Amino acid sequence: MKKHNFYAGPAILPAPVLEQAAAAVVDFEGMGLSLLEISHRSKEFTAVMEEAIQLPKDLLGLGDDFEVMYLTGGASSQFYMAAMNLLNDVETASYVDTGAWSTKAIKEAQHFGNIEVIATSKDKNYAYIPKGYHIPGNSTFLHLTSNNTIFGTEYHELPETDVPIICDMSSDIFSRPIDVARYGMIYAGAQKNLGPAGTTLAIVRKDLLGRVERTIPTMLNYQTHIAKNSSFNTPPVYPIYVCLLTLRWLKEQGGLAVVEEKNQAKAALLYNEIDENPLFEGTAAAEDRSLMNVTFVLKDETLSDAFLAAATAANCVGIKGHRSVGGFRASIYNAMPQSSVQVLVDVMKDFAQKNG
């Protein structure tokens, strides 16, 4: 029986995407060859890459002032590549620390310029998004992590600033419309809300490139990959193709405004149960709750194993919380159907009736 996949990542993919991706492994576009066998410079894969680059522009409403790249190394590589490409040694960038991934981004960026951590929510184990902090006007950029998979928090409003925002959107990209004019760069590891592990989407504003004085190694220079349409070297063809299929699926859903409505409905269903169920409570500040990663705990921790067993029996997998928070985490990305969220909610209701 198909499981209800609540894993944080690698994460759930739409069923039609999986079917098309599986078929392409055997025979791609009627070529008599697997997608895994064809040249990345063939006209067939060139067409895949061109569409995979265009669809993010269509979905996000990007103009010609942005470039789209598919890179490797996960979002973790962008922690240093962004600073290497966009920040001079003598310049200062502002960072907001909202969890494990922003902490790692701060550490890596410090190799390439002055990094000022202007706000943090570490004092409450990252259970909220900092607000009301001062953003220095001389910052080269402001770095944010839009959604925090471990701690279950998400930005629902951006801070007011004229400073270009560099944003790690690994776990909530394409989950809702965004005001692209506010961003200088967006990057996202594919494996949470876009595709399988193996490629990273990077979107950068053209006018931010070519400013730094340092020599950048060829493979780490964004301009290298832009000039070669993300095919300077052999790209991860299969992950990019699956991303393309997911992007097509998102467009078929009606675009990001429609996707956002579905995501809000799923999140409301689960958060309402957490708030109304006498056995559970959420861990993130209510105003900062993530639409993608719902974190919660049992008020009586001794019941945790029993609840996990009940969820497993209902084919709900991947809900055990990260060790930094404990309890439970249900990741309800774009591809998660509301029916699966309902199954988890029903398990919670039944568990309360038997243990309340």
Protein backbone atom coordinates (compact mmCIF):
# COMPACT_ATOMS: atom_id res chain seq x y z
CA MET A 1 0.00 0.00 0.00
CA LYS A 2 1.21 3.49 -0.84
CA LYS A 3 2.55 5.32 2.20
CA HIS A 4 1.57 8.82 3.28
CA ASN A 5 5.00 10.43 2.95
CA PHE A 6 5.64 13.15 5.56
CA TYR A 7 9.44 13.02 5.30
CA ALA A 8 11.24 16.39 5.28
CA GLY A 9 13.53 15.47 2.41
CA PRO A 10 14.20 13.84 0.09
CA ALA A 11 10.49 14.39 -0.02
CA ILE A 12 7.25 13.51 -1.73
CA LEU A 13 6.87 14.05 -5.48
CA PRO A 14 3.59 14.24 -7.44
CA ALA A 15 2.37 10.84 -8.61
CA PRO A 16 2.21 11.87 -12.31
CA VAL A 17 5.80 13.10 -12.08
CA LEU A 18 6.99 9.78 -10.72
CA GLU A 19 5.20 7.90 -13.49
CA GLN A 20 6.67 10.05 -16.26
CA ALA A 21 10.12 10.00 -14.69
CA ALA A 22 10.05 6.21 -14.42
CA ALA A 23 9.03 5.86 -18.05
CA ALA A 24 11.87 8.11 -19.16
CA VAL A 25 14.40 5.80 -17.53
CA VAL A 26 13.33 3.07 -19.94
CA ASP A 27 12.64 5.10 -23.10
CA PHE A 28 12.95 8.87 -23.34
CA GLU A 29 10.78 10.65 -25.91
CA GLY A 30 10.52 7.51 -28.06
CA MET A 31 14.26 7.57 -28.73
CA GLY A 32 14.76 3.93 -27.88
CA LEU A 33 17.24 5.10 -25.26
CA SER A 34 17.00 5.82 -21.56
CA LEU A 35 17.22 9.42 -20.41
CA LEU A 36 20.19 8.19 -18.37
CA GLU A 37 22.02 7.24 -21.57
CA ILE A 38 21.60 10.24 -23.87
CA SER A 39 24.10 13.03 -24.35
CA HIS A 40 23.53 16.14 -22.30
CA ARG A 41 24.35 18.05 -25.47
CA SER A 42 21.75 16.25 -27.59
CA LYS A 43 18.88 18.31 -28.96
CA GLU A 44 16.48 16.30 -26.80
CA PHE A 45 18.19 17.20 -23.53
CA THR A 46 18.96 20.74 -24.66
CA ALA A 47 15.19 21.16 -25.00
CA VAL A 48 14.73 19.81 -21.44
CA MET A 49 17.25 22.28 -20.06
CA GLU A 50 15.78 25.24 -21.91
CA GLU A 51 12.27 24.49 -20.64
CA ALA A 52 13.55 23.82 -17.11
CA ILE A 53 15.16 27.27 -17.13
CA GLN A 54 12.11 29.02 -18.58
CA LEU A 55 9.42 27.52 -16.31
CA PRO A 56 10.74 29.07 -13.06
CA LYS A 57 10.66 32.42 -14.83
CA ASP A 58 7.06 31.82 -15.86
CA LEU A 59 5.91 30.60 -12.44
CA LEU A 60 7.66 33.32 -10.44
CA GLY A 61 7.11 36.13 -12.92
CA LEU A 62 10.81 36.74 -13.48
CA GLY A 63 11.92 39.30 -16.04
CA ASP A 64 15.00 39.33 -18.23
CA ASP A 65 16.97 40.86 -15.35
CA PHE A 66 17.21 37.42 -13.71
CA GLU A 67 19.23 34.35 -14.69
CA VAL A 68 18.27 30.76 -13.80
CA MET A 69 20.85 28.03 -13.18
CA TYR A 70 20.83 24.35 -12.22
CA LEU A 71 23.90 23.61 -10.10
CA THR A 72 25.17 20.79 -7.90
CA GLY A 73 26.27 20.50 -4.29
CA GLY A 74 22.90 21.25 -2.72
CA ALA A 75 21.92 24.48 -1.02
CA SER A 76 24.93 23.93 1.23
CA SER A 77 27.23 24.85 -1.68
CA GLN A 78 25.31 28.09 -2.13
CA PHE A 79 26.15 29.07 1.44
CA TYR A 80 29.66 29.89 0.18
CA MET A 81 29.06 30.38 -3.54
CA ALA A 82 26.61 33.22 -2.96
CA ALA A 83 29.09 35.13 -0.81
CA MET A 84 32.02 34.26 -3.10
CA ASN A 85 30.20 35.63 -6.15
CA LEU A 86 28.39 38.59 -4.60
CA LEU A 87 30.46 39.93 -1.66
CA ASN A 88 33.86 41.62 -1.71
CA ASP A 89 36.31 41.05 1.13
CA VAL A 90 35.87 44.60 2.45
CA GLU A 91 32.09 44.62 2.19
CA THR A 92 29.49 43.66 4.79
CA ALA A 93 26.48 41.40 4.40
CA SER A 94 23.67 41.09 6.95
CA TYR A 95 22.33 37.68 7.99
CA VAL A 96 19.32 36.66 10.07
CA ASP A 97 19.80 33.45 12.05
CA THR A 98 16.60 31.39 12.19
CA GLY A 99 17.92 27.85 12.50
CA ALA A 100 20.42 25.20 11.52
CA TRP A 101 20.69 26.11 7.85
CA SER A 102 21.10 29.85 8.36
CA THR A 103 23.77 29.08 10.98
CA LYS A 104 25.69 27.06 8.39
CA ALA A 105 25.24 29.78 5.78
CA ILE A 106 26.72 32.33 8.19
CA LYS A 107 29.73 30.13 8.89
CA GLU A 108 30.54 29.65 5.20
CA ALA A 109 29.99 33.28 4.19
CA GLN A 110 32.49 34.50 6.77
CA HIS A 111 35.31 33.32 4.48
CA PHE A 112 34.46 35.98 1.90
CA GLY A 113 33.62 39.23 3.68
CA ASN A 114 32.30 40.84 6.83
CA ILE A 115 29.20 39.04 8.07
CA GLU A 116 26.94 40.75 10.57
CA VAL A 117 24.26 38.66 12.28
CA ILE A 118 21.62 41.33 12.82
CA ALA A 119 18.95 39.13 14.42
CA THR A 120 18.52 35.62 15.79
CA SER A 121 15.83 33.46 17.37
CA LYS A 122 18.31 31.10 18.99
CA ASP A 123 17.21 32.29 22.44
CA LYS A 124 13.98 30.28 22.09
CA ASN A 125 15.40 27.37 20.11
CA TYR A 126 14.43 29.04 16.84
CA ALA A 127 10.70 28.79 17.56
CA TYR A 128 9.96 32.18 15.98
CA ILE A 129 11.03 34.54 13.19
CA PRO A 130 12.82 37.68 14.49
CA LYS A 131 11.13 41.00 13.73
CA GLY A 132 11.77 44.70 14.20
CA TYR A 133 15.54 44.58 13.78
CA HIS A 134 17.67 47.21 12.07
CA ILE A 135 19.08 46.40 8.63
CA PRO A 136 22.20 48.49 7.90
CA GLY A 137 21.76 50.43 4.69
CA ASN A 138 25.34 49.77 3.65
CA SER A 139 24.82 45.99 3.57
CA THR A 140 25.70 44.46 0.24
CA PHE A 141 22.84 42.03 0.76
CA LEU A 142 20.52 40.62 3.42
CA HIS A 143 20.48 36.83 3.70
CA LEU A 144 17.34 35.04 4.89
CA THR A 145 16.20 31.42 5.12
CA SER A 146 12.54 31.58 4.15
CA ASN A 147 11.42 28.32 5.75
CA ASN A 148 13.02 26.30 8.53
CA THR A 149 12.38 22.60 8.11
CA ILE A 150 13.68 21.59 11.53
CA PHE A 151 11.93 24.21 13.66
CA GLY A 152 8.73 24.66 11.66
CA THR A 153 8.90 28.43 11.10
CA GLU A 154 8.47 30.44 7.91
CA TYR A 155 8.59 34.05 6.78
CA HIS A 156 5.10 35.28 5.94
CA GLU A 157 6.28 38.85 5.42
CA LEU A 158 9.71 40.08 4.36
CA PRO A 159 11.46 42.79 6.38
CA GLU A 160 11.26 46.25 4.85
CA THR A 161 14.56 47.16 3.20
CA ASP A 162 16.04 48.39 -0.06
CA VAL A 163 18.98 46.01 0.41
CA PRO A 164 18.88 43.06 -2.06
CA ILE A 165 17.62 39.92 -0.33
CA ILE A 166 19.47 36.66 -0.85
CA CYS A 167 17.17 33.84 0.18
CA ASP A 168 17.56 30.13 0.80
CA MET A 169 14.13 28.83 -0.27
CA SER A 170 15.01 25.16 -0.30
CA SER A 171 11.88 23.98 1.50
CA ASP A 172 9.18 26.40 0.38
CA ILE A 173 10.09 27.43 -3.15
CA PHE A 174 7.11 27.38 -5.53
CA SER A 175 4.72 26.96 -2.60
CA ARG A 176 3.27 30.46 -3.09
CA PRO A 177 3.71 33.59 -5.20
CA ILE A 178 6.53 35.95 -4.20
CA ASP A 179 7.40 39.57 -4.94
CA VAL A 180 10.49 38.93 -7.06
CA ALA A 181 11.43 42.61 -7.03
CA ARG A 182 12.50 42.21 -3.39
CA TYR A 183 15.13 39.57 -4.17
CA GLY A 184 18.67 39.68 -5.50
CA MET A 185 19.07 35.92 -5.44
CA ILE A 186 17.03 32.83 -4.61
CA TYR A 187 18.49 29.36 -4.23
CA ALA A 188 16.97 26.01 -3.35
CA GLY A 189 18.08 22.42 -3.06
CA ALA A 190 15.60 20.51 -5.22
CA GLN A 191 14.91 17.61 -2.88
CA LYS A 192 12.29 19.18 -0.64
CA ASN A 193 9.73 20.86 -2.88
CA LEU A 194 10.95 20.68 -6.47
CA GLY A 195 12.54 17.37 -7.41
CA PRO A 196 14.99 14.69 -6.30
CA ALA A 197 18.34 15.25 -4.65
CA GLY A 198 21.16 16.02 -7.05
CA THR A 199 20.55 19.50 -8.37
CA THR A 200 20.11 22.99 -6.93
CA LEU A 201 18.10 25.79 -8.47
CA ALA A 202 19.77 29.20 -8.33
CA ILE A 203 18.16 32.42 -9.55
CA VAL A 204 20.24 35.59 -9.52
CA ARG A 205 19.74 39.18 -10.62
CA LYS A 206 22.13 40.02 -13.42
CA ASP A 207 23.27 43.38 -12.04
CA LEU A 208 24.72 41.71 -8.92
CA LEU A 209 27.19 39.67 -10.95
CA GLY A 210 30.71 40.62 -11.95
CA ARG A 211 31.22 43.02 -9.04
CA VAL A 212 33.66 41.13 -6.86
CA GLU A 213 37.38 41.67 -7.19
CA ARG A 214 38.50 38.20 -6.21
CA THR A 215 39.34 35.51 -8.71
CA ILE A 216 36.59 32.90 -8.62
CA PRO A 217 37.39 29.30 -9.65
CA THR A 218 35.70 28.51 -12.95
CA MET A 219 33.28 25.93 -11.59
CA LEU A 220 32.22 28.19 -8.72
CA ASN A 221 31.56 31.25 -10.86
CA TYR A 222 27.88 31.84 -11.57
CA GLN A 223 28.76 33.51 -14.86
CA THR A 224 30.35 30.27 -16.08
CA HIS A 225 27.09 28.37 -15.70
CA ILE A 226 24.92 31.18 -17.05
CA ALA A 227 27.05 31.43 -20.20
CA LYS A 228 26.78 27.68 -20.83
CA ASN A 229 23.09 27.31 -19.98
CA SER A 230 23.92 25.18 -16.91
CA SER A 231 25.85 22.74 -19.10
CA PHE A 232 29.46 23.86 -18.70
CA ASN A 233 30.13 20.34 -17.47
CA THR A 234 27.81 17.33 -17.57
CA PRO A 235 24.78 18.38 -15.51
CA PRO A 236 22.72 15.96 -13.38
CA VAL A 237 20.37 15.19 -16.25
CA TYR A 238 17.87 13.01 -14.40
CA PRO A 239 17.27 15.31 -11.39
CA ILE A 240 16.87 18.27 -13.76
CA TYR A 241 14.37 16.34 -15.88
CA VAL A 242 12.33 15.43 -12.80
CA CYS A 243 12.40 19.09 -11.75
CA LEU A 244 11.08 19.95 -15.20
CA LEU A 245 8.22 17.49 -14.76
CA THR A 246 7.40 19.00 -11.36
CA LEU A 247 7.45 22.52 -12.79
CA ARG A 248 5.07 21.43 -15.55
CA TRP A 249 2.82 19.90 -12.90
CA LEU A 250 2.82 23.15 -10.91
CA LYS A 251 1.82 25.07 -14.02
CA GLU A 252 -0.96 22.55 -14.70
CA GLN A 253 -2.31 23.10 -11.17
CA GLY A 254 -3.06 26.69 -12.18
CA GLY A 255 0.11 28.39 -10.96
CA LEU A 256 1.43 29.39 -7.56
CA ALA A 257 -1.67 31.26 -6.35
CA VAL A 258 -3.70 28.07 -6.68
CA VAL A 259 -0.92 26.01 -5.10
CA GLU A 260 -0.81 28.44 -2.16
CA GLU A 261 -4.53 28.02 -1.52
CA LYS A 262 -4.11 24.25 -1.35
CA ASN A 263 -1.10 24.56 0.94
CA GLN A 264 -2.95 26.89 3.29
CA ALA A 265 -5.90 24.49 3.47
CA LYS A 266 -3.65 21.53 4.28
CA ALA A 267 -1.77 23.45 6.94
CA ALA A 268 -4.98 24.80 8.52
CA LEU A 269 -6.38 21.27 8.73
CA LEU A 270 -3.37 19.99 10.64
CA TYR A 271 -2.75 23.05 12.82
CA ASN A 272 -6.42 23.15 13.84
CA GLU A 273 -6.16 19.58 15.05
CA ILE A 274 -2.95 20.32 16.96
CA ASP A 275 -4.60 23.30 18.68
CA GLU A 276 -7.87 21.52 19.46
CA ASN A 277 -6.52 18.11 20.42
CA PRO A 278 -5.89 17.96 24.21
CA LEU A 279 -2.85 15.71 23.81
CA PHE A 280 -0.78 17.82 21.40
CA GLU A 281 0.74 21.28 21.13
CA GLY A 282 2.68 23.11 18.43
CA THR A 283 6.29 24.17 18.91
CA ALA A 284 6.48 27.23 16.61
CA ALA A 285 5.07 30.69 17.35
CA ALA A 286 1.56 30.77 15.88
CA GLU A 287 2.21 33.78 13.65
CA ASP A 288 5.34 32.16 12.18
CA ARG A 289 4.08 28.64 11.60
CA SER A 290 5.35 27.00 8.45
CA LEU A 291 2.96 25.88 5.72
CA MET A 292 5.49 23.22 4.72
CA ASN A 293 6.83 21.69 7.96
CA VAL A 294 4.44 21.33 10.87
CA THR A 295 6.19 20.68 14.20
CA PHE A 296 4.35 19.51 17.31
CA VAL A 297 4.82 17.50 20.50
CA LEU A 298 2.78 15.39 22.86
CA LYS A 299 2.15 17.05 26.21
CA ASP A 300 2.85 13.65 27.77
CA GLU A 301 6.06 12.47 26.13
CA THR A 302 5.60 8.94 27.46
CA LEU A 303 2.93 8.48 24.78
CA SER A 304 5.31 9.23 21.91
CA ASP A 305 6.15 5.64 20.97
CA ALA A 306 2.49 4.67 21.03
CA PHE A 307 1.55 7.57 18.77
CA LEU A 308 4.31 6.76 16.30
CA ALA A 309 3.08 3.17 16.22
CA ALA A 310 -0.47 4.35 15.55
CA ALA A 311 0.69 6.61 12.73
CA THR A 312 2.81 3.84 11.22
CA ALA A 313 -0.15 1.47 11.33
CA ALA A 314 -2.08 4.04 9.27
CA ASN A 315 0.80 4.16 6.75
CA CYS A 316 1.93 7.63 7.83
CA VAL A 317 5.72 7.71 7.62
CA GLY A 318 8.40 10.31 8.32
CA ILE A 319 6.68 12.15 11.19
CA LYS A 320 9.32 11.70 13.87
CA GLY A 321 10.66 15.13 14.78
CA HIS A 322 14.25 16.30 14.38
CA ARG A 323 16.40 15.73 17.45
CA SER A 324 16.79 19.51 17.88
CA VAL A 325 13.08 19.86 18.59
CA GLY A 326 11.84 16.38 19.43
CA GLY A 327 8.23 15.33 19.09
CA PHE A 328 6.89 15.17 15.57
CA ARG A 329 7.21 16.89 12.23
CA ALA A 330 4.81 16.51 9.33
CA SER A 331 6.20 17.89 6.08
CA ILE A 332 3.31 18.76 3.79
CA TYR A 333 4.97 19.99 0.62
CA ASN A 334 3.20 20.89 -2.63
CA ALA A 335 2.84 17.26 -3.71
CA MET A 336 1.20 16.15 -0.46
CA PRO A 337 -2.53 15.58 -1.07
CA GLN A 338 -4.96 16.88 1.52
CA SER A 339 -6.33 13.34 1.85
CA SER A 340 -3.00 12.24 3.37
CA VAL A 341 -3.09 15.12 5.86
CA GLN A 342 -6.61 14.02 6.77
CA VAL A 343 -5.35 10.50 7.51
CA LEU A 344 -2.82 11.91 10.00
CA VAL A 345 -5.47 14.14 11.57
CA ASP A 346 -7.76 11.12 11.96
CA VAL A 347 -4.95 9.20 13.68
CA MET A 348 -4.50 12.12 16.11
CA LYS A 349 -8.23 12.26 16.86
CA ASP A 350 -8.44 8.53 17.43
CA PHE A 351 -5.32 8.60 19.62
CA ALA A 352 -6.85 11.31 21.80
CA GLN A 353 -10.06 9.33 22.21
CA LYS A 354 -8.11 6.28 23.38
CA ASN A 355 -5.57 8.08 25.55
CA GLY A 356 -7.27 11.31 26.63
